[in-house]
């Protein structure tokens, strides 16, 4: 439903939201910031808005539904899917477990192309990938879905990430491979090692392609930061973790490449490349995603049906958090706004600094 049609209800909802926020907050927020709820929309009764002007569109995926919304609370596209879906702010696709030649669509709902081949599509902003059957190989596609290049392997892929210029994949044998996005040329191929059993659980590459960060190994699992020197990686920092994870975990560089966040059992690590210092914050959730806004980082964590949004400033200190229960959830940021998706609702929170 449109925000303007439920305005009388918004005041009550906002009061309830603020009350629940204060009650559920697990760590007080910095006094410098004000968090003001502005609207809440219900995805159970979405009214689709046809945009008359260009606006920033943000994607959502909750339960068996995907779509796009604007900062004003307008739902511009809503799709239910029976099996699987992939979505980014640019593209989306609906597919099944035996998909081949998969149609994909731009965020306005028009068909953009067909991903040629069989497998599982993955979108990272405007980058398009196809993970091939067997889980060991993948292809990079162009904007029409044609295969640009493919890397084939017999070792299962256990970690994967990309940015505008590079794609990085990690494997069950502990190896890391970095590819140029345009040509598919492998620029780096190495294994961090240092553990009794080699396997990659988390991986990312810095925006400039100079650093690769990973969580790898079993029995003395560790976080490793490597720097590219003459196309050969050199480990510049490593940190043995308190316990071993046996699942894929979160590793992510900040957009400016100055920090890398990593998640392990009951902890969030932050390595500051500028200060060359490692910071550890105790948390009790598995980190799912990160969003940035004006020098602040928002991380979404999950433990069963309990979700927590952690707020980190550039001082590498957690300045606040709030917790809620849901079957599925997501966060997005745009300008000075934080958007929190919770099952069938999306809420907008305006953030201002006093």
Protein backbone atom coordinates (compact mmCIF):
# COMPACT_ATOMS: atom_id res chain seq x y z
CA UNK A 1 0.00 0.00 0.00
CA UNK A 2 1.21 3.52 -0.63
CA UNK A 3 2.62 5.49 2.27
CA UNK A 4 0.35 8.45 1.67
CA UNK A 5 -2.74 6.23 2.07
CA UNK A 6 -1.71 4.99 5.52
CA UNK A 7 -0.45 8.25 6.98
CA UNK A 8 -2.93 8.20 9.93
CA UNK A 9 -1.47 4.85 10.91
CA UNK A 10 2.14 5.94 10.61
CA UNK A 11 2.19 8.02 13.78
CA UNK A 12 1.04 5.05 15.85
CA UNK A 13 3.44 2.70 14.10
CA UNK A 14 6.32 5.13 14.59
CA UNK A 15 5.62 5.40 18.31
CA UNK A 16 5.49 1.61 18.62
CA UNK A 17 8.66 1.28 16.54
CA UNK A 18 10.55 3.78 18.69
CA UNK A 19 9.35 2.05 21.85
CA UNK A 20 10.39 -1.39 20.59
CA UNK A 21 13.70 0.01 19.37
CA UNK A 22 14.53 1.41 22.80
CA UNK A 23 13.43 -1.77 24.56
CA UNK A 24 15.26 -4.10 22.18
CA UNK A 25 18.47 -2.10 21.86
CA UNK A 26 21.29 -4.26 23.18
CA UNK A 27 23.83 -1.44 23.25
CA UNK A 28 23.05 2.29 23.62
CA UNK A 29 23.62 4.43 20.55
CA UNK A 30 26.11 7.25 20.44
CA UNK A 31 24.54 10.51 21.61
CA UNK A 32 25.83 12.17 18.44
CA UNK A 33 23.31 10.33 16.27
CA UNK A 34 19.53 10.48 16.08
CA UNK A 35 17.54 7.59 14.59
CA UNK A 36 14.08 8.69 13.43
CA UNK A 37 11.57 6.18 11.96
CA UNK A 38 9.88 7.71 8.89
CA UNK A 39 7.66 5.02 7.37
CA UNK A 40 6.81 1.33 7.29
CA UNK A 41 5.30 -0.56 4.35
CA UNK A 42 3.53 -3.91 4.26
CA UNK A 43 4.66 -6.40 1.63
CA UNK A 44 1.57 -8.57 2.14
CA UNK A 45 -0.52 -5.94 0.33
CA UNK A 46 1.94 -4.23 -2.01
CA UNK A 47 0.65 -1.58 -4.39
CA UNK A 48 3.04 -1.33 -7.32
CA UNK A 49 4.07 2.19 -8.31
CA UNK A 50 4.99 3.07 -11.88
CA UNK A 51 7.79 5.62 -11.58
CA UNK A 52 7.50 8.80 -13.60
CA UNK A 53 11.08 9.84 -12.89
CA UNK A 54 14.41 8.15 -12.27
CA UNK A 55 14.90 7.13 -8.64
CA UNK A 56 17.36 4.98 -6.76
CA UNK A 57 15.97 1.45 -6.48
CA UNK A 58 16.90 -0.88 -3.65
CA UNK A 59 16.36 -4.62 -3.83
CA UNK A 60 14.71 -6.86 -1.25
CA UNK A 61 14.43 -10.61 -0.80
CA UNK A 62 12.30 -11.96 2.05
CA UNK A 63 10.80 -15.42 2.34
CA UNK A 64 9.68 -16.33 -1.20
CA UNK A 65 9.40 -12.77 -2.50
CA UNK A 66 11.75 -10.36 -4.22
CA UNK A 67 11.42 -6.86 -5.60
CA UNK A 68 12.51 -3.23 -5.52
CA UNK A 69 11.54 -0.18 -3.49
CA UNK A 70 12.43 3.53 -3.36
CA UNK A 71 13.55 5.76 -0.50
CA UNK A 72 10.00 7.18 -0.47
CA UNK A 73 8.47 3.80 0.33
CA UNK A 74 7.18 2.96 -3.13
CA UNK A 75 7.23 -0.66 -4.25
CA UNK A 76 8.18 -0.62 -7.93
CA UNK A 77 8.36 -4.38 -8.51
CA UNK A 78 7.16 -7.40 -6.52
CA UNK A 79 7.58 -11.05 -7.48
CA UNK A 80 6.83 -14.26 -5.65
CA UNK A 81 8.96 -17.24 -6.59
CA UNK A 82 8.29 -20.94 -5.92
CA UNK A 83 11.86 -22.25 -5.96
CA UNK A 84 14.93 -20.00 -6.31
CA UNK A 85 15.74 -16.39 -7.11
CA UNK A 86 18.82 -14.19 -7.51
CA UNK A 87 18.68 -10.40 -7.22
CA UNK A 88 20.87 -7.31 -7.03
CA UNK A 89 20.08 -3.61 -7.35
CA UNK A 90 20.47 -4.02 -11.13
CA UNK A 91 19.14 -7.46 -12.09
CA UNK A 92 17.01 -10.37 -10.97
CA UNK A 93 16.19 -13.90 -12.17
CA UNK A 94 13.79 -16.64 -11.11
CA UNK A 95 14.94 -20.21 -11.72
CA UNK A 96 14.71 -23.84 -10.61
CA UNK A 97 17.26 -26.46 -9.60
CA UNK A 98 17.71 -27.68 -13.18
CA UNK A 99 17.88 -24.27 -14.80
CA UNK A 100 19.38 -23.61 -18.21
CA UNK A 101 19.25 -20.60 -20.55
CA UNK A 102 17.85 -18.47 -17.71
CA UNK A 103 16.02 -15.24 -18.58
CA UNK A 104 17.04 -12.31 -16.39
CA UNK A 105 15.51 -8.88 -15.93
CA UNK A 106 16.52 -5.33 -15.13
CA UNK A 107 15.12 -3.66 -12.01
CA UNK A 108 12.21 -2.18 -13.99
CA UNK A 109 10.98 -5.67 -14.87
CA UNK A 110 11.98 -5.70 -18.54
CA UNK A 111 13.86 -8.73 -19.81
CA UNK A 112 17.53 -7.86 -20.18
CA UNK A 113 18.79 -11.07 -21.71
CA UNK A 114 19.26 -14.80 -21.28
CA UNK A 115 22.11 -16.33 -19.30
CA UNK A 116 23.46 -18.91 -21.73
CA UNK A 117 24.20 -22.26 -20.13
CA UNK A 118 23.09 -24.43 -17.20
CA UNK A 119 23.65 -23.70 -13.53
CA UNK A 120 22.83 -21.14 -10.87
CA UNK A 121 22.91 -17.39 -11.61
CA UNK A 122 24.48 -14.90 -9.24
CA UNK A 123 24.33 -11.10 -9.49
CA UNK A 124 26.74 -8.76 -7.72
CA UNK A 125 25.51 -5.26 -8.60
CA UNK A 126 25.80 -5.24 -12.42
CA UNK A 127 28.12 -8.26 -12.56
CA UNK A 128 26.60 -11.53 -13.76
CA UNK A 129 27.93 -15.00 -12.96
CA UNK A 130 26.79 -18.55 -13.57
CA UNK A 131 27.90 -21.30 -11.19
CA UNK A 132 28.07 -24.50 -13.20
CA UNK A 133 26.68 -27.88 -12.10
CA UNK A 134 29.02 -29.72 -9.75
CA UNK A 135 30.01 -26.61 -7.79
CA UNK A 136 33.61 -26.44 -9.04
CA UNK A 137 33.39 -24.13 -12.08
CA UNK A 138 31.85 -20.77 -12.95
CA UNK A 139 31.37 -18.39 -15.85
CA UNK A 140 31.36 -14.60 -16.04
CA UNK A 141 28.69 -13.16 -18.35
CA UNK A 142 28.25 -9.89 -20.23
CA UNK A 143 25.23 -7.59 -19.87
CA UNK A 144 23.17 -9.69 -22.32
CA UNK A 145 23.94 -12.98 -20.57
CA UNK A 146 26.53 -14.25 -23.04
CA UNK A 147 29.47 -16.14 -21.54
CA UNK A 148 32.61 -13.94 -21.49
CA UNK A 149 34.92 -16.47 -19.90
CA UNK A 150 34.80 -19.63 -17.80
CA UNK A 151 37.11 -21.10 -15.22
CA UNK A 152 36.79 -24.86 -14.90
CA UNK A 153 38.02 -26.83 -11.91
CA UNK A 154 37.50 -30.20 -10.25
CA UNK A 155 37.86 -28.76 -6.73
CA UNK A 156 34.62 -27.42 -5.14
CA UNK A 157 34.28 -23.64 -4.78
CA UNK A 158 33.87 -22.79 -1.10
CA UNK A 159 34.21 -18.97 -1.18
CA UNK A 160 33.58 -16.32 -3.82
CA UNK A 161 33.56 -12.54 -4.20
CA UNK A 162 34.00 -9.80 -6.78
CA UNK A 163 34.27 -6.05 -7.27
CA UNK A 164 34.25 -3.80 -10.35
CA UNK A 165 37.61 -5.05 -11.61
CA UNK A 166 38.34 -8.44 -10.07
CA UNK A 167 36.75 -11.79 -9.29
CA UNK A 168 38.19 -14.00 -6.58
CA UNK A 169 37.33 -17.62 -5.84
CA UNK A 170 38.43 -19.94 -3.03
CA UNK A 171 38.47 -23.73 -3.07
CA UNK A 172 38.24 -26.77 -0.82
CA UNK A 173 41.96 -27.43 -1.34
CA UNK A 174 42.81 -24.05 0.24
CA UNK A 175 43.74 -22.27 -2.99
CA UNK A 176 42.74 -18.71 -3.94
CA UNK A 177 42.51 -17.51 -7.54
CA UNK A 178 42.10 -13.89 -8.68
CA UNK A 179 40.78 -13.10 -12.17
CA UNK A 180 40.58 -9.96 -14.26
CA UNK A 181 36.86 -9.32 -14.82
CA UNK A 182 37.13 -8.40 -18.50
CA UNK A 183 39.53 -10.97 -19.85
CA UNK A 184 39.27 -13.77 -17.31
CA UNK A 185 43.06 -13.80 -16.99
CA UNK A 186 44.17 -15.41 -13.73
CA UNK A 187 46.40 -12.82 -12.05
CA UNK A 188 47.03 -14.54 -8.71
CA UNK A 189 47.02 -18.20 -7.67
CA UNK A 190 48.13 -19.05 -4.15
CA UNK A 191 47.21 -20.86 -0.93
CA UNK A 192 47.46 -19.14 2.49
CA UNK A 193 48.24 -22.44 4.27
CA UNK A 194 49.21 -22.43 7.93
CA UNK A 195 46.62 -25.00 9.07
CA UNK A 196 46.52 -28.78 9.24
CA UNK A 197 43.62 -28.98 6.77
CA UNK A 198 43.31 -26.51 3.92
CA UNK A 199 39.91 -25.09 2.92
CA UNK A 200 38.60 -21.58 2.24
CA UNK A 201 35.58 -20.42 4.29
CA UNK A 202 35.51 -16.68 3.59
CA UNK A 203 37.13 -14.44 1.00
CA UNK A 204 37.22 -10.93 -0.46
CA UNK A 205 39.45 -8.70 -2.56
CA UNK A 206 40.07 -4.99 -2.02
CA UNK A 207 38.61 -2.49 -4.53
CA UNK A 208 42.06 -1.78 -6.00
CA UNK A 209 42.93 -5.47 -6.22
CA UNK A 210 46.02 -5.06 -4.06
CA UNK A 211 44.83 -7.06 -1.04
CA UNK A 212 43.12 -10.42 -0.58
CA UNK A 213 41.58 -11.31 2.79
CA UNK A 214 40.47 -14.79 3.78
CA UNK A 215 39.49 -17.14 6.57
CA UNK A 216 40.99 -20.53 5.87
CA UNK A 217 41.96 -23.90 7.27
CA UNK A 218 40.85 -26.31 9.96
CA UNK A 219 42.73 -27.03 13.16
CA UNK A 220 44.36 -23.66 13.67
CA UNK A 221 42.00 -21.74 11.43
CA UNK A 222 43.18 -18.22 10.73
CA UNK A 223 42.38 -14.88 9.16
CA UNK A 224 44.96 -13.95 6.51
CA UNK A 225 45.59 -10.65 4.73
CA UNK A 226 47.84 -10.87 1.66
CA UNK A 227 49.27 -8.02 -0.44
CA UNK A 228 49.95 -8.28 -4.17
CA UNK A 229 53.63 -7.67 -4.93
CA UNK A 230 54.79 -8.24 -8.53
CA UNK A 231 51.75 -10.49 -9.06
CA UNK A 232 52.83 -12.61 -6.13
CA UNK A 233 50.93 -12.39 -2.84
CA UNK A 234 52.78 -11.69 0.38
CA UNK A 235 51.08 -12.29 3.72
CA UNK A 236 51.21 -9.00 5.65
CA UNK A 237 48.99 -10.00 8.58
CA UNK A 238 47.49 -13.18 10.01
CA UNK A 239 45.53 -13.99 13.13
CA UNK A 240 44.86 -17.49 14.49
CA UNK A 241 41.21 -17.80 15.55
CA UNK A 242 40.00 -19.10 18.90
CA UNK A 243 37.94 -21.89 17.32
CA UNK A 244 37.29 -23.45 13.92
CA UNK A 245 34.22 -22.71 11.84
CA UNK A 246 33.01 -25.43 9.49
CA UNK A 247 30.71 -23.21 7.41
CA UNK A 248 31.08 -20.35 4.97
CA UNK A 249 31.63 -17.08 6.80
CA UNK A 250 31.72 -13.33 6.21
CA UNK A 251 34.82 -11.50 4.92
CA UNK A 252 34.37 -8.05 3.38
CA UNK A 253 36.46 -4.98 2.56
CA UNK A 254 35.01 -1.51 3.10
CA UNK A 255 34.26 0.48 -0.06
CA UNK A 256 37.41 2.61 0.43
CA UNK A 257 39.57 -0.47 0.99
CA UNK A 258 40.82 0.81 4.34
CA UNK A 259 39.17 -1.90 6.47
CA UNK A 260 38.33 -5.55 6.17
CA UNK A 261 35.62 -7.09 8.34
CA UNK A 262 35.62 -10.79 9.16
CA UNK A 263 33.37 -12.98 11.28
CA UNK A 264 34.26 -16.04 13.31
CA UNK A 265 32.76 -17.84 16.30
CA UNK A 266 31.19 -15.17 18.58
CA UNK A 267 33.49 -12.46 17.24
CA UNK A 268 33.72 -9.72 14.64
CA UNK A 269 37.22 -8.85 13.51
CA UNK A 270 38.17 -5.56 11.87
CA UNK A 271 41.62 -5.10 10.38
CA UNK A 272 42.47 -1.43 9.78
CA UNK A 273 44.94 -1.26 6.87
CA UNK A 274 45.76 2.39 7.51
CA UNK A 275 46.57 1.88 11.21
CA UNK A 276 47.84 -1.67 10.66
CA UNK A 277 45.85 -2.76 13.71
CA UNK A 278 43.45 -5.63 14.33
CA UNK A 279 40.30 -4.96 16.38
CA UNK A 280 38.09 -7.68 17.89
CA UNK A 281 34.47 -7.16 18.97
CA UNK A 282 32.46 -9.84 20.77
CA UNK A 283 29.12 -10.65 19.14
CA UNK A 284 26.77 -13.63 19.33
CA UNK A 285 25.53 -13.71 15.72
CA UNK A 286 26.56 -14.96 12.30
CA UNK A 287 27.15 -11.88 10.11
CA UNK A 288 25.10 -11.93 6.90
CA UNK A 289 25.75 -8.57 5.25
CA UNK A 290 27.23 -5.09 5.61
CA UNK A 291 25.99 -1.66 4.49
CA UNK A 292 27.84 1.67 4.66
CA UNK A 293 26.68 5.22 5.26
CA UNK A 294 28.67 8.40 5.86
CA UNK A 295 31.50 6.82 7.82
CA UNK A 296 29.28 4.28 9.57
CA UNK A 297 29.01 0.54 8.98
CA UNK A 298 25.84 -1.46 9.60
CA UNK A 299 26.21 -5.22 9.89
CA UNK A 300 23.28 -7.64 10.02
CA UNK A 301 23.76 -10.71 12.20
CA UNK A 302 21.57 -13.74 12.77
CA UNK A 303 21.18 -16.51 15.35
CA UNK A 304 18.14 -18.71 14.67
CA UNK A 305 15.23 -16.24 14.41
CA UNK A 306 17.01 -13.46 16.28
CA UNK A 307 18.58 -10.72 14.16
CA UNK A 308 20.86 -7.91 15.31
CA UNK A 309 21.96 -4.78 13.48
CA UNK A 310 25.43 -3.74 14.70
CA UNK A 311 26.58 -0.15 14.20
CA UNK A 312 30.33 0.40 13.77
CA UNK A 313 32.01 3.78 13.35
CA UNK A 314 35.35 4.46 11.64
CA UNK A 315 36.96 4.39 15.08
CA UNK A 316 36.47 0.59 14.77
CA UNK A 317 34.24 0.66 17.85
CA UNK A 318 30.69 -0.65 18.04
CA UNK A 319 28.58 2.35 19.02
CA UNK A 320 25.17 0.68 19.08
CA UNK A 321 23.00 -2.27 18.11
CA UNK A 322 19.37 -3.33 18.09
CA UNK A 323 17.77 -6.77 17.97
CA UNK A 324 14.50 -8.15 16.63
CA UNK A 325 12.94 -11.50 15.77
CA UNK A 326 12.02 -12.54 12.24
CA UNK A 327 11.96 -15.50 9.89
CA UNK A 328 13.90 -13.46 7.31
CA UNK A 329 15.45 -9.99 7.29
CA UNK A 330 17.72 -7.62 5.38
CA UNK A 331 19.24 -4.15 5.65
CA UNK A 332 19.96 -1.49 3.02
CA UNK A 333 21.36 2.05 3.18
CA UNK A 334 20.98 5.04 0.89
CA UNK A 335 22.04 8.63 1.61
CA UNK A 336 21.29 9.15 5.33
CA UNK A 337 18.73 6.36 5.54
CA UNK A 338 18.77 2.85 6.96
CA UNK A 339 16.13 0.43 5.67
CA UNK A 340 15.29 -2.67 7.70
CA UNK A 341 13.33 -5.51 6.12
CA UNK A 342 11.60 -7.88 8.52
CA UNK A 343 9.43 -10.66 7.10
CA UNK A 344 6.57 -8.80 5.39
CA UNK A 345 7.57 -5.22 6.26
CA UNK A 346 10.21 -2.67 5.29
CA UNK A 347 10.97 0.28 7.60
CA UNK A 348 12.87 3.47 6.88
CA UNK A 349 15.00 5.07 9.61
CA UNK A 350 16.46 8.53 9.07
CA UNK A 351 19.89 8.96 10.65
CA UNK A 352 21.14 12.41 11.53
CA UNK A 353 24.11 13.67 13.52
CA UNK A 354 23.49 16.25 16.23
